[in-house]
Amino acid sequence: MHSRRQLVATVDASAARAGISLDLAQRRLLDRLADFAADLNEKPRRRSRPRGLYIYGEAGRGKSWLADAFYSALSTDRKTRVHFHGFFDELHRGIHDHRAEPEAMDRAIEAVTGVGRLLFFDELHVHDSGDARLLTRLLDHAFSHGVSVLATSNYAPDDLLPNPIWHHTFDRGIDVIKTNMDLFHLEGPVDYRSRRTDHSSGFASGTWTTSTSAVLPDCGEEATVTVRGRRFPILAAGADHLWATFAQICNSPTSTIEYLEWARTFSTWTVIDIPLLENTNPEAQQRFINLVDVLVDADVRVHFVSPYELTTFLECAVHRPDACRMASRMHLLHKQTV
């Protein structure tokens, strides 16, 4: 692997190319990541500190960017990056593939984590008790097999699975995190996504508009798309463009499984008739937040169409779990037109 100095220089060069000037808090995190890299070079039996690093803080402060740049700078193939939604999709697929075997769960986890020494878990958040149990199994497996875990999150460990009814189901997972990982709180007053100036491609080139003119094709009858044998109605689908209503992809029983598949298939989306989240049920609210997560991570260009301006939409969503992360990501959009 790179020396500490080489790794810092590589990340600094990446920041310079991206037009990023690291603030003091971000530079402290880079120094901590460099220490973490040095720990990766040590043999497991010689390590005197926890095998993981858990980075948390408000949205848009640079956690994911720095962790991604660090991950890219590591000159080893023995590493795996997983995103929250992609992880559970892959894990459920793996469990299904190995369902006839007695250790189906462990085999599925091994398939997701690979055989490397580093597992980078981006955007870790938990809102479902079933996901909590699976994540606990993953972390137990990683640490018991000497895998170092790097994680980013908007939540301090004790705040994961915030629903008080289900929080106790992740007590074991929280204990695993705090026992095996150092905690780094990245603080700062600036949401850097709100200062994005490059809108040439991907999600950042998308729009939020209250005008319905010239955004829809001549749809005719509704189309459908199929994922793993299930058919879902949409407005239309082109070679690389999907058109759908909010109701079609958030009010219906869709999941991140479908969002991930469609994000791989369609490089541009148009989503229309987006209501205020407070006027929808909790399941639809969470689906929309998950959808934004998936589309940003896949860097898909999206045109959002709503009767409401983006500022109004975000203000009315502020009390939803993960709303701060969604708001930060929506600020990436190229323009907000009326």
C-alpha atoms as a PDB file:
ATOM      1  CA  MET A   1       0.000   0.000   0.000  1.00  0.00           C
ATOM      2  CA  HIS A   2       0.978   3.663  -0.246  1.00  0.00           C
ATOM      3  CA  SER A   3       2.969   5.244   2.557  1.00  0.00           C
ATOM      4  CA  ARG A   4       1.095   7.704   4.743  1.00  0.00           C
ATOM      5  CA  ARG A   5       2.624  10.660   2.888  1.00  0.00           C
ATOM      6  CA  GLN A   6       1.839   9.187  -0.534  1.00  0.00           C
ATOM      7  CA  LEU A   7      -1.771   8.512   0.408  1.00  0.00           C
ATOM      8  CA  VAL A   8      -2.347  12.059   1.670  1.00  0.00           C
ATOM      9  CA  ALA A   9      -0.710  13.463  -1.470  1.00  0.00           C
ATOM     10  CA  THR A  10      -2.908  11.284  -3.696  1.00  0.00           C
ATOM     11  CA  VAL A  11      -6.100  12.437  -1.969  1.00  0.00           C
ATOM     12  CA  ASP A  12      -4.921  16.061  -2.097  1.00  0.00           C
ATOM     13  CA  ALA A  13      -4.342  15.694  -5.836  1.00  0.00           C
ATOM     14  CA  SER A  14      -7.852  14.280  -6.283  1.00  0.00           C
ATOM     15  CA  ALA A  15      -9.268  17.234  -4.365  1.00  0.00           C
ATOM     16  CA  ALA A  16      -7.326  19.698  -6.510  1.00  0.00           C
ATOM     17  CA  ARG A  17      -8.615  18.100  -9.714  1.00  0.00           C
ATOM     18  CA  ALA A  18     -12.165  18.372  -8.363  1.00  0.00           C
ATOM     19  CA  GLY A  19     -11.665  22.001  -7.365  1.00  0.00           C
ATOM     20  CA  ILE A  20     -12.001  21.125  -3.674  1.00  0.00           C
ATOM     21  CA  SER A  21     -10.104  22.872  -0.904  1.00  0.00           C
ATOM     22  CA  LEU A  22     -10.229  20.780   2.252  1.00  0.00           C
ATOM     23  CA  ASP A  23     -11.293  22.657   5.372  1.00  0.00           C
ATOM     24  CA  LEU A  24      -9.637  22.079   8.745  1.00  0.00           C
ATOM     25  CA  ALA A  25     -12.126  19.419   9.868  1.00  0.00           C
ATOM     26  CA  GLN A  26     -11.780  17.553   6.574  1.00  0.00           C
ATOM     27  CA  ARG A  27      -7.999  17.684   6.809  1.00  0.00           C
ATOM     28  CA  ARG A  28      -8.161  16.211  10.302  1.00  0.00           C
ATOM     29  CA  LEU A  29     -10.282  13.412   8.875  1.00  0.00           C
ATOM     30  CA  LEU A  30      -7.760  12.854   6.076  1.00  0.00           C
ATOM     31  CA  ASP A  31      -5.009  12.563   8.697  1.00  0.00           C
ATOM     32  CA  ARG A  32      -7.132  10.031  10.585  1.00  0.00           C
ATOM     33  CA  LEU A  33      -7.743   8.068   7.386  1.00  0.00           C
ATOM     34  CA  ALA A  34      -4.002   8.014   6.770  1.00  0.00           C
ATOM     35  CA  ASP A  35      -3.535   6.539  10.256  1.00  0.00           C
ATOM     36  CA  PHE A  36      -6.236   4.006   9.431  1.00  0.00           C
ATOM     37  CA  ALA A  37      -4.350   3.040   6.271  1.00  0.00           C
ATOM     38  CA  ALA A  38      -1.198   2.476   8.325  1.00  0.00           C
ATOM     39  CA  ASP A  39      -3.203   0.147  10.572  1.00  0.00           C
ATOM     40  CA  LEU A  40      -4.268  -1.830   7.498  1.00  0.00           C
ATOM     41  CA  ASN A  41      -0.607  -2.555   6.819  1.00  0.00           C
ATOM     42  CA  GLU A  42      -0.219  -4.140  10.244  1.00  0.00           C
ATOM     43  CA  LYS A  43      -0.888  -7.818  10.712  1.00  0.00           C
ATOM     44  CA  PRO A  44      -4.115  -8.383  12.705  1.00  0.00           C
ATOM     45  CA  ARG A  45      -2.295  -9.856  15.719  1.00  0.00           C
ATOM     46  CA  ARG A  46      -0.113  -6.715  16.018  1.00  0.00           C
ATOM     47  CA  ARG A  47      -2.965  -4.199  15.978  1.00  0.00           C
ATOM     48  CA  SER A  48      -3.480  -2.379  19.286  1.00  0.00           C
ATOM     49  CA  ARG A  49      -6.514  -0.316  18.236  1.00  0.00           C
ATOM     50  CA  PRO A  50      -9.954  -1.180  16.846  1.00  0.00           C
ATOM     51  CA  ARG A  51     -10.023  -2.593  13.341  1.00  0.00           C
ATOM     52  CA  GLY A  52     -12.561  -0.101  12.004  1.00  0.00           C
ATOM     53  CA  LEU A  53     -13.293   3.599  11.549  1.00  0.00           C
ATOM     54  CA  TYR A  54     -16.829   4.985  11.771  1.00  0.00           C
ATOM     55  CA  ILE A  55     -17.211   8.508  10.341  1.00  0.00           C
ATOM     56  CA  TYR A  56     -20.431  10.357  11.077  1.00  0.00           C
ATOM     57  CA  GLY A  57     -21.824  13.870  10.820  1.00  0.00           C
ATOM     58  CA  GLU A  58     -24.331  16.051   9.034  1.00  0.00           C
ATOM     59  CA  ALA A  59     -25.020  15.632   5.329  1.00  0.00           C
ATOM     60  CA  GLY A  60     -22.824  17.376   2.778  1.00  0.00           C
ATOM     61  CA  ARG A  61     -19.754  17.803   4.995  1.00  0.00           C
ATOM     62  CA  GLY A  62     -17.523  15.641   2.808  1.00  0.00           C
ATOM     63  CA  LYS A  63     -17.611  12.260   4.552  1.00  0.00           C
ATOM     64  CA  SER A  64     -18.366  10.168   1.485  1.00  0.00           C
ATOM     65  CA  TRP A  65     -16.121  12.172  -0.831  1.00  0.00           C
ATOM     66  CA  LEU A  66     -13.093  11.823   1.449  1.00  0.00           C
ATOM     67  CA  ALA A  67     -13.754   8.162   2.186  1.00  0.00           C
ATOM     68  CA  ASP A  68     -14.180   7.456  -1.545  1.00  0.00           C
ATOM     69  CA  ALA A  69     -10.970   9.324  -2.389  1.00  0.00           C
ATOM     70  CA  PHE A  70      -9.151   7.426   0.360  1.00  0.00           C
ATOM     71  CA  TYR A  71     -10.539   4.114  -0.887  1.00  0.00           C
ATOM     72  CA  SER A  72      -9.448   4.879  -4.450  1.00  0.00           C
ATOM     73  CA  ALA A  73      -5.974   5.881  -3.265  1.00  0.00           C
ATOM     74  CA  LEU A  74      -5.325   2.538  -1.550  1.00  0.00           C
ATOM     75  CA  SER A  75      -3.088   0.533  -3.879  1.00  0.00           C
ATOM     76  CA  THR A  76      -4.585  -2.851  -3.112  1.00  0.00           C
ATOM     77  CA  ASP A  77      -7.213  -5.058  -4.708  1.00  0.00           C
ATOM     78  CA  ARG A  78      -8.124  -6.556  -1.373  1.00  0.00           C
ATOM     79  CA  LYS A  79     -10.902  -4.070  -0.702  1.00  0.00           C
ATOM     80  CA  THR A  80     -14.654  -3.919  -1.218  1.00  0.00           C
ATOM     81  CA  ARG A  81     -17.000  -0.927  -1.320  1.00  0.00           C
ATOM     82  CA  VAL A  82     -20.703  -1.406  -0.662  1.00  0.00           C
ATOM     83  CA  HIS A  83     -23.493   1.142  -0.457  1.00  0.00           C
ATOM     84  CA  PHE A  84     -26.296   0.633   2.062  1.00  0.00           C
ATOM     85  CA  HIS A  85     -29.008  -0.144  -0.491  1.00  0.00           C
ATOM     86  CA  GLY A  86     -26.766  -2.120  -2.813  1.00  0.00           C
ATOM     87  CA  PHE A  87     -25.526  -4.213   0.103  1.00  0.00           C
ATOM     88  CA  PHE A  88     -28.971  -5.407   1.117  1.00  0.00           C
ATOM     89  CA  ASP A  89     -29.924  -6.077  -2.484  1.00  0.00           C
ATOM     90  CA  GLU A  90     -26.805  -8.224  -3.009  1.00  0.00           C
ATOM     91  CA  LEU A  91     -27.214  -9.937   0.356  1.00  0.00           C
ATOM     92  CA  HIS A  92     -30.822 -10.938  -0.289  1.00  0.00           C
ATOM     93  CA  ARG A  93     -29.827 -12.238  -3.733  1.00  0.00           C
ATOM     94  CA  GLY A  94     -26.978 -14.203  -2.177  1.00  0.00           C
ATOM     95  CA  ILE A  95     -29.230 -15.738   0.469  1.00  0.00           C
ATOM     96  CA  HIS A  96     -31.625 -16.810  -2.283  1.00  0.00           C
ATOM     97  CA  ASP A  97     -28.796 -18.275  -4.377  1.00  0.00           C
ATOM     98  CA  HIS A  98     -27.453 -20.288  -1.427  1.00  0.00           C
ATOM     99  CA  ARG A  99     -30.843 -21.113   0.109  1.00  0.00           C
ATOM    100  CA  ALA A 100     -30.295 -24.866  -0.217  1.00  0.00           C
ATOM    101  CA  GLU A 101     -27.068 -24.735   1.814  1.00  0.00           C
ATOM    102  CA  PRO A 102     -26.973 -24.945   5.631  1.00  0.00           C
ATOM    103  CA  GLU A 103     -24.839 -21.784   5.986  1.00  0.00           C
ATOM    104  CA  ALA A 104     -26.699 -19.687   3.406  1.00  0.00           C
ATOM    105  CA  MET A 105     -26.356 -16.439   5.386  1.00  0.00           C
ATOM    106  CA  ASP A 106     -22.599 -16.768   5.897  1.00  0.00           C
ATOM    107  CA  ARG A 107     -22.047 -17.736   2.255  1.00  0.00           C
ATOM    108  CA  ALA A 108     -24.060 -14.714   1.125  1.00  0.00           C
ATOM    109  CA  ILE A 109     -22.101 -12.378   3.403  1.00  0.00           C
ATOM    110  CA  GLU A 110     -18.801 -13.778   2.105  1.00  0.00           C
ATOM    111  CA  ALA A 111     -19.980 -13.156  -1.449  1.00  0.00           C
ATOM    112  CA  VAL A 112     -20.807  -9.514  -0.654  1.00  0.00           C
ATOM    113  CA  THR A 113     -17.714  -8.690   1.397  1.00  0.00           C
ATOM    114  CA  GLY A 114     -15.265 -10.573  -0.785  1.00  0.00           C
ATOM    115  CA  VAL A 115     -11.933 -11.859   0.496  1.00  0.00           C
ATOM    116  CA  GLY A 116     -10.275  -8.504   1.086  1.00  0.00           C
ATOM    117  CA  ARG A 117      -8.902  -6.859   4.186  1.00  0.00           C
ATOM    118  CA  LEU A 118     -11.025  -3.698   3.915  1.00  0.00           C
ATOM    119  CA  LEU A 119     -14.804  -3.289   3.708  1.00  0.00           C
ATOM    120  CA  PHE A 120     -15.985   0.261   3.004  1.00  0.00           C
ATOM    121  CA  PHE A 121     -19.648   0.694   3.932  1.00  0.00           C
ATOM    122  CA  ASP A 122     -20.935   4.028   2.582  1.00  0.00           C
ATOM    123  CA  GLU A 123     -24.055   5.858   3.880  1.00  0.00           C
ATOM    124  CA  LEU A 124     -24.773   3.439   6.721  1.00  0.00           C
ATOM    125  CA  HIS A 125     -28.265   3.980   8.151  1.00  0.00           C
ATOM    126  CA  VAL A 126     -30.825   1.605   9.625  1.00  0.00           C
ATOM    127  CA  HIS A 127     -34.604   2.018   9.804  1.00  0.00           C
ATOM    128  CA  ASP A 128     -35.822  -1.578   9.662  1.00  0.00           C
ATOM    129  CA  SER A 129     -35.435  -4.256  12.319  1.00  0.00           C
ATOM    130  CA  GLY A 130     -34.807  -6.933   9.685  1.00  0.00           C
ATOM    131  CA  ASP A 131     -32.024  -4.864   8.138  1.00  0.00           C
ATOM    132  CA  ALA A 132     -30.648  -4.319  11.647  1.00  0.00           C
ATOM    133  CA  ARG A 133     -30.248  -8.050  12.195  1.00  0.00           C
ATOM    134  CA  LEU A 134     -28.595  -8.568   8.812  1.00  0.00           C
ATOM    135  CA  LEU A 135     -26.193  -5.675   9.363  1.00  0.00           C
ATOM    136  CA  THR A 136     -25.250  -7.049  12.777  1.00  0.00           C
ATOM    137  CA  ARG A 137     -24.454 -10.418  11.192  1.00  0.00           C
ATOM    138  CA  LEU A 138     -22.330  -8.698   8.545  1.00  0.00           C
ATOM    139  CA  LEU A 139     -20.310  -6.742  11.109  1.00  0.00           C
ATOM    140  CA  ASP A 140     -19.827  -9.791  13.323  1.00  0.00           C
ATOM    141  CA  HIS A 141     -18.608 -11.754  10.303  1.00  0.00           C
ATOM    142  CA  ALA A 142     -16.225  -9.011   9.165  1.00  0.00           C
ATOM    143  CA  PHE A 143     -14.565  -8.458  12.516  1.00  0.00           C
ATOM    144  CA  SER A 144     -14.364 -12.162  13.357  1.00  0.00           C
ATOM    145  CA  HIS A 145     -12.532 -12.715  10.047  1.00  0.00           C
ATOM    146  CA  GLY A 146     -10.038  -9.888  10.573  1.00  0.00           C
ATOM    147  CA  VAL A 147     -11.616  -7.530   8.036  1.00  0.00           C
ATOM    148  CA  SER A 148     -11.180  -3.813   8.704  1.00  0.00           C
ATOM    149  CA  VAL A 149     -14.400  -1.829   8.288  1.00  0.00           C
ATOM    150  CA  LEU A 150     -14.661   1.798   7.191  1.00  0.00           C
ATOM    151  CA  ALA A 151     -18.147   3.329   7.411  1.00  0.00           C
ATOM    152  CA  THR A 152     -19.745   6.718   6.781  1.00  0.00           C
ATOM    153  CA  SER A 153     -23.088   7.757   8.232  1.00  0.00           C
ATOM    154  CA  ASN A 154     -25.263  10.715   9.122  1.00  0.00           C
ATOM    155  CA  TYR A 155     -25.954   8.992  12.437  1.00  0.00           C
ATOM    156  CA  ALA A 156     -23.856   8.494  15.534  1.00  0.00           C
ATOM    157  CA  PRO A 157     -23.919   4.770  16.407  1.00  0.00           C
ATOM    158  CA  ASP A 158     -26.354   5.238  19.303  1.00  0.00           C
ATOM    159  CA  ASP A 159     -28.773   7.051  16.980  1.00  0.00           C
ATOM    160  CA  LEU A 160     -29.030   4.271  14.378  1.00  0.00           C
ATOM    161  CA  LEU A 161     -32.496   2.733  14.022  1.00  0.00           C
ATOM    162  CA  PRO A 162     -34.045   5.818  15.655  1.00  0.00           C
ATOM    163  CA  ASN A 163     -37.585   4.407  15.905  1.00  0.00           C
ATOM    164  CA  PRO A 164     -37.960   3.820  19.676  1.00  0.00           C
ATOM    165  CA  ILE A 165     -40.204   0.814  19.075  1.00  0.00           C
ATOM    166  CA  TRP A 166     -37.454  -1.066  17.222  1.00  0.00           C
ATOM    167  CA  HIS A 167     -34.245   0.561  18.457  1.00  0.00           C
ATOM    168  CA  HIS A 168     -33.530  -2.281  20.898  1.00  0.00           C
ATOM    169  CA  THR A 169     -33.243  -4.737  17.991  1.00  0.00           C
ATOM    170  CA  PHE A 170     -30.001  -3.029  16.968  1.00  0.00           C
ATOM    171  CA  ASP A 171     -28.460  -2.777  20.450  1.00  0.00           C
ATOM    172  CA  ARG A 172     -26.173  -5.691  19.592  1.00  0.00           C
ATOM    173  CA  GLY A 173     -25.098  -4.073  16.308  1.00  0.00           C
ATOM    174  CA  ILE A 174     -24.390  -0.745  18.030  1.00  0.00           C
ATOM    175  CA  ASP A 175     -22.265  -2.558  20.589  1.00  0.00           C
ATOM    176  CA  VAL A 176     -20.315  -4.290  17.807  1.00  0.00           C
ATOM    177  CA  ILE A 177     -19.643  -0.927  16.135  1.00  0.00           C
ATOM    178  CA  LYS A 178     -18.526   0.825  19.325  1.00  0.00           C
ATOM    179  CA  THR A 179     -16.372  -2.102  20.420  1.00  0.00           C
ATOM    180  CA  ASN A 180     -14.569  -2.628  17.116  1.00  0.00           C
ATOM    181  CA  MET A 181     -14.489   0.815  15.478  1.00  0.00           C
ATOM    182  CA  ASP A 182     -13.000   4.204  16.292  1.00  0.00           C
ATOM    183  CA  LEU A 183     -15.515   7.043  15.981  1.00  0.00           C
ATOM    184  CA  PHE A 184     -14.782  10.261  14.093  1.00  0.00           C
ATOM    185  CA  HIS A 185     -17.346  13.072  14.144  1.00  0.00           C
ATOM    186  CA  LEU A 186     -16.884  15.287  11.079  1.00  0.00           C
ATOM    187  CA  GLU A 187     -18.347  18.655  11.976  1.00  0.00           C
ATOM    188  CA  GLY A 188     -18.686  21.817   9.930  1.00  0.00           C
ATOM    189  CA  PRO A 189     -21.145  24.633   9.168  1.00  0.00           C
ATOM    190  CA  VAL A 190     -21.133  24.205   5.379  1.00  0.00           C
ATOM    191  CA  ASP A 191     -23.141  21.783   3.239  1.00  0.00           C
ATOM    192  CA  TYR A 192     -20.727  21.607   0.313  1.00  0.00           C
ATOM    193  CA  ARG A 193     -23.306  20.035  -1.993  1.00  0.00           C
ATOM    194  CA  SER A 194     -25.156  23.384  -1.936  1.00  0.00           C
ATOM    195  CA  ARG A 195     -22.015  24.981  -3.443  1.00  0.00           C
ATOM    196  CA  ARG A 196     -21.699  22.547  -6.351  1.00  0.00           C
ATOM    197  CA  THR A 197     -20.741  24.392  -9.528  1.00  0.00           C
ATOM    198  CA  ASP A 198     -20.107  21.493 -11.933  1.00  0.00           C
ATOM    199  CA  HIS A 199     -23.476  20.495 -13.394  1.00  0.00           C
ATOM    200  CA  SER A 200     -22.240  18.923 -16.601  1.00  0.00           C
ATOM    201  CA  SER A 201     -23.245  15.326 -15.972  1.00  0.00           C
ATOM    202  CA  GLY A 202     -25.028  12.827 -13.780  1.00  0.00           C
ATOM    203  CA  PHE A 203     -27.423  13.659 -10.976  1.00  0.00           C
ATOM    204  CA  ALA A 204     -26.034  17.187 -10.678  1.00  0.00           C
ATOM    205  CA  SER A 205     -27.201  17.939 -14.225  1.00  0.00           C
ATOM    206  CA  GLY A 206     -30.814  17.125 -13.341  1.00  0.00           C
ATOM    207  CA  THR A 207     -33.583  19.603 -12.604  1.00  0.00           C
ATOM    208  CA  TRP A 208     -36.516  20.314 -10.317  1.00  0.00           C
ATOM    209  CA  THR A 209     -39.316  22.129 -12.085  1.00  0.00           C
ATOM    210  CA  THR A 210     -42.924  23.171 -11.472  1.00  0.00           C
ATOM    211  CA  SER A 211     -43.575  23.385 -15.216  1.00  0.00           C
ATOM    212  CA  THR A 212     -44.918  20.352 -17.061  1.00  0.00           C
ATOM    213  CA  SER A 213     -44.238  21.721 -20.525  1.00  0.00           C
ATOM    214  CA  ALA A 214     -41.934  19.744 -22.794  1.00  0.00           C
ATOM    215  CA  VAL A 215     -40.986  17.137 -20.192  1.00  0.00           C
ATOM    216  CA  LEU A 216     -43.122  14.165 -21.228  1.00  0.00           C
ATOM    217  CA  PRO A 217     -43.135  12.027 -24.365  1.00  0.00           C
ATOM    218  CA  ASP A 218     -46.284  11.243 -26.294  1.00  0.00           C
ATOM    219  CA  CYS A 219     -46.975   8.339 -23.972  1.00  0.00           C
ATOM    220  CA  GLY A 220     -50.194   6.845 -25.240  1.00  0.00           C
ATOM    221  CA  GLU A 221     -50.912   3.758 -23.166  1.00  0.00           C
ATOM    222  CA  GLU A 222     -48.905   3.125 -20.000  1.00  0.00           C
ATOM    223  CA  ALA A 223     -45.794   1.015 -20.420  1.00  0.00           C
ATOM    224  CA  THR A 224     -44.372  -1.547 -18.022  1.00  0.00           C
ATOM    225  CA  VAL A 225     -40.920  -2.594 -16.886  1.00  0.00           C
ATOM    226  CA  THR A 226     -40.062  -5.976 -15.439  1.00  0.00           C
ATOM    227  CA  VAL A 227     -37.697  -6.786 -12.567  1.00  0.00           C
ATOM    228  CA  ARG A 228     -37.168 -10.409 -11.502  1.00  0.00           C
ATOM    229  CA  GLY A 229     -40.465 -11.497 -12.978  1.00  0.00           C
ATOM    230  CA  ARG A 230     -42.542  -8.645 -11.511  1.00  0.00           C
ATOM    231  CA  ARG A 231     -44.155  -6.093 -13.834  1.00  0.00           C
ATOM    232  CA  PHE A 232     -44.418  -2.432 -12.865  1.00  0.00           C
ATOM    233  CA  PRO A 233     -46.486   0.208 -14.698  1.00  0.00           C
ATOM    234  CA  ILE A 234     -44.690   3.404 -15.762  1.00  0.00           C
ATOM    235  CA  LEU A 235     -45.478   6.230 -18.179  1.00  0.00           C
ATOM    236  CA  ALA A 236     -42.878   5.337 -20.795  1.00  0.00           C
ATOM    237  CA  ALA A 237     -39.411   3.917 -21.335  1.00  0.00           C
ATOM    238  CA  GLY A 238     -36.901   4.714 -24.060  1.00  0.00           C
ATOM    239  CA  ALA A 239     -33.487   3.269 -24.796  1.00  0.00           C
ATOM    240  CA  ASP A 240     -31.983   5.020 -21.775  1.00  0.00           C
ATOM    241  CA  HIS A 241     -34.824   7.177 -20.396  1.00  0.00           C
ATOM    242  CA  LEU A 242     -37.548   6.234 -17.904  1.00  0.00           C
ATOM    243  CA  TRP A 243     -40.664   8.331 -17.314  1.00  0.00           C
ATOM    244  CA  ALA A 244     -42.863   7.630 -14.278  1.00  0.00           C
ATOM    245  CA  THR A 245     -45.146   9.297 -11.770  1.00  0.00           C
ATOM    246  CA  PHE A 246     -44.411   9.532  -8.063  1.00  0.00           C
ATOM    247  CA  ALA A 247     -47.404   7.272  -7.426  1.00  0.00           C
ATOM    248  CA  GLN A 248     -46.083   4.593  -9.774  1.00  0.00           C
ATOM    249  CA  ILE A 249     -42.675   4.285  -8.154  1.00  0.00           C
ATOM    250  CA  CYS A 250     -43.328   5.322  -4.550  1.00  0.00           C
ATOM    251  CA  ASN A 251     -46.986   4.573  -3.725  1.00  0.00           C
ATOM    252  CA  SER A 252     -46.827   1.113  -5.246  1.00  0.00           C
ATOM    253  CA  PRO A 253     -44.953  -1.775  -3.540  1.00  0.00           C
ATOM    254  CA  THR A 254     -41.573  -1.027  -5.086  1.00  0.00           C
ATOM    255  CA  SER A 255     -38.262  -1.295  -3.279  1.00  0.00           C
ATOM    256  CA  THR A 256     -34.605  -0.461  -3.706  1.00  0.00           C
ATOM    257  CA  ILE A 257     -34.300  -3.720  -5.657  1.00  0.00           C
ATOM    258  CA  GLU A 258     -36.285  -2.129  -8.480  1.00  0.00           C
ATOM    259  CA  TYR A 259     -34.612   1.281  -8.119  1.00  0.00           C
ATOM    260  CA  LEU A 260     -31.152  -0.266  -8.370  1.00  0.00           C
ATOM    261  CA  GLU A 261     -32.115  -2.273 -11.468  1.00  0.00           C
ATOM    262  CA  TRP A 262     -33.672   0.741 -13.194  1.00  0.00           C
ATOM    263  CA  ALA A 263     -30.706   2.942 -12.287  1.00  0.00           C
ATOM    264  CA  ARG A 264     -28.453   0.448 -14.063  1.00  0.00           C
ATOM    265  CA  THR A 265     -30.760   0.372 -17.105  1.00  0.00           C
ATOM    266  CA  PHE A 266     -31.768   4.028 -17.555  1.00  0.00           C
ATOM    267  CA  SER A 267     -29.250   6.889 -17.425  1.00  0.00           C
ATOM    268  CA  THR A 268     -31.981   9.554 -17.406  1.00  0.00           C
ATOM    269  CA  TRP A 269     -35.229   9.642 -15.429  1.00  0.00           C
ATOM    270  CA  THR A 270     -38.234  11.959 -15.393  1.00  0.00           C
ATOM    271  CA  VAL A 271     -40.422  11.703 -12.282  1.00  0.00           C
ATOM    272  CA  ILE A 272     -43.634  13.761 -12.304  1.00  0.00           C
ATOM    273  CA  ASP A 273     -46.500  14.664  -9.962  1.00  0.00           C
ATOM    274  CA  ILE A 274     -44.307  14.764  -6.857  1.00  0.00           C
ATOM    275  CA  PRO A 275     -46.467  15.747  -3.854  1.00  0.00           C
ATOM    276  CA  LEU A 276     -45.388  17.146  -0.511  1.00  0.00           C
ATOM    277  CA  LEU A 277     -44.137  14.186   1.495  1.00  0.00           C
ATOM    278  CA  GLU A 278     -46.354  15.147   4.431  1.00  0.00           C
ATOM    279  CA  ASN A 279     -49.342  14.380   2.180  1.00  0.00           C
ATOM    280  CA  THR A 280     -48.174  10.805   1.541  1.00  0.00           C
ATOM    281  CA  ASN A 281     -47.944   7.752   3.756  1.00  0.00           C
ATOM    282  CA  PRO A 282     -44.716   6.913   5.632  1.00  0.00           C
ATOM    283  CA  GLU A 283     -43.891   4.037   3.273  1.00  0.00           C
ATOM    284  CA  ALA A 284     -44.057   6.289   0.199  1.00  0.00           C
ATOM    285  CA  GLN A 285     -41.976   8.922   1.979  1.00  0.00           C
ATOM    286  CA  GLN A 286     -39.224   6.427   2.750  1.00  0.00           C
ATOM    287  CA  ARG A 287     -39.326   5.023  -0.779  1.00  0.00           C
ATOM    288  CA  PHE A 288     -38.730   8.482  -2.247  1.00  0.00           C
ATOM    289  CA  ILE A 289     -35.802   9.095   0.106  1.00  0.00           C
ATOM    290  CA  ASN A 290     -34.373   5.681  -0.811  1.00  0.00           C
ATOM    291  CA  LEU A 291     -34.898   6.487  -4.491  1.00  0.00           C
ATOM    292  CA  VAL A 292     -32.855   9.682  -4.203  1.00  0.00           C
ATOM    293  CA  ASP A 293     -30.107   7.717  -2.410  1.00  0.00           C
ATOM    294  CA  VAL A 294     -29.928   5.185  -5.229  1.00  0.00           C
ATOM    295  CA  LEU A 295     -30.047   7.746  -8.053  1.00  0.00           C
ATOM    296  CA  VAL A 296     -27.304   9.897  -6.510  1.00  0.00           C
ATOM    297  CA  ASP A 297     -25.052   6.903  -5.843  1.00  0.00           C
ATOM    298  CA  ALA A 298     -25.581   5.697  -9.442  1.00  0.00           C
ATOM    299  CA  ASP A 299     -25.134   9.307 -10.682  1.00  0.00           C
ATOM    300  CA  VAL A 300     -28.301   9.216 -12.799  1.00  0.00           C
ATOM    301  CA  ARG A 301     -29.646  12.422 -14.363  1.00  0.00           C
ATOM    302  CA  VAL A 302     -33.168  13.066 -13.023  1.00  0.00           C
ATOM    303  CA  HIS A 303     -35.808  15.632 -13.943  1.00  0.00           C
ATOM    304  CA  PHE A 304     -38.217  16.048 -11.033  1.00  0.00           C
ATOM    305  CA  VAL A 305     -41.597  17.668 -11.772  1.00  0.00           C
ATOM    306  CA  SER A 306     -43.825  18.886  -8.934  1.00  0.00           C
ATOM    307  CA  PRO A 307     -46.541  21.483  -8.302  1.00  0.00           C
ATOM    308  CA  TYR A 308     -44.312  22.709  -5.462  1.00  0.00           C
ATOM    309  CA  GLU A 309     -41.006  24.533  -5.524  1.00  0.00           C
ATOM    310  CA  LEU A 310     -38.058  22.567  -4.194  1.00  0.00           C
ATOM    311  CA  THR A 311     -37.616  24.806  -1.142  1.00  0.00           C
ATOM    312  CA  THR A 312     -41.253  24.209  -0.148  1.00  0.00           C
ATOM    313  CA  PHE A 313     -40.938  20.472  -0.739  1.00  0.00           C
ATOM    314  CA  LEU A 314     -37.823  20.216   1.443  1.00  0.00           C
ATOM    315  CA  GLU A 315     -39.194  22.421   4.218  1.00  0.00           C
ATOM    316  CA  CYS A 316     -42.247  20.156   4.506  1.00  0.00           C
ATOM    317  CA  ALA A 317     -40.072  17.017   4.622  1.00  0.00           C
ATOM    318  CA  VAL A 318     -37.745  18.202   7.377  1.00  0.00           C
ATOM    319  CA  HIS A 319     -39.155  15.938  10.103  1.00  0.00           C
ATOM    320  CA  ARG A 320     -38.683  12.714   8.135  1.00  0.00           C
ATOM    321  CA  PRO A 321     -35.774  10.435   9.099  1.00  0.00           C
ATOM    322  CA  ASP A 322     -32.948  10.924   6.567  1.00  0.00           C
ATOM    323  CA  ALA A 323     -34.560  14.139   5.278  1.00  0.00           C
ATOM    324  CA  CYS A 324     -31.327  16.051   5.923  1.00  0.00           C
ATOM    325  CA  ARG A 325     -29.403  13.709   3.609  1.00  0.00           C
ATOM    326  CA  MET A 326     -32.106  13.927   0.947  1.00  0.00           C
ATOM    327  CA  ALA A 327     -32.163  17.752   1.156  1.00  0.00           C
ATOM    328  CA  SER A 328     -28.383  17.930   0.809  1.00  0.00           C
ATOM    329  CA  ARG A 329     -28.462  15.689  -2.251  1.00  0.00           C
ATOM    330  CA  MET A 330     -31.297  17.600  -3.913  1.00  0.00           C
ATOM    331  CA  HIS A 331     -29.151  20.744  -3.678  1.00  0.00           C
ATOM    332  CA  LEU A 332     -26.862  19.132  -6.240  1.00  0.00           C
ATOM    333  CA  LEU A 333     -29.431  19.721  -8.981  1.00  0.00           C
ATOM    334  CA  HIS A 334     -28.381  21.883 -11.916  1.00  0.00           C
ATOM    335  CA  LYS A 335     -31.270  24.295 -11.711  1.00  0.00           C
ATOM    336  CA  GLN A 336     -34.605  24.757 -10.021  1.00  0.00           C
ATOM    337  CA  THR A 337     -37.038  26.211 -12.532  1.00  0.00           C
ATOM    338  CA  VAL A 338     -40.621  27.401 -12.373  1.00  0.00           C
END
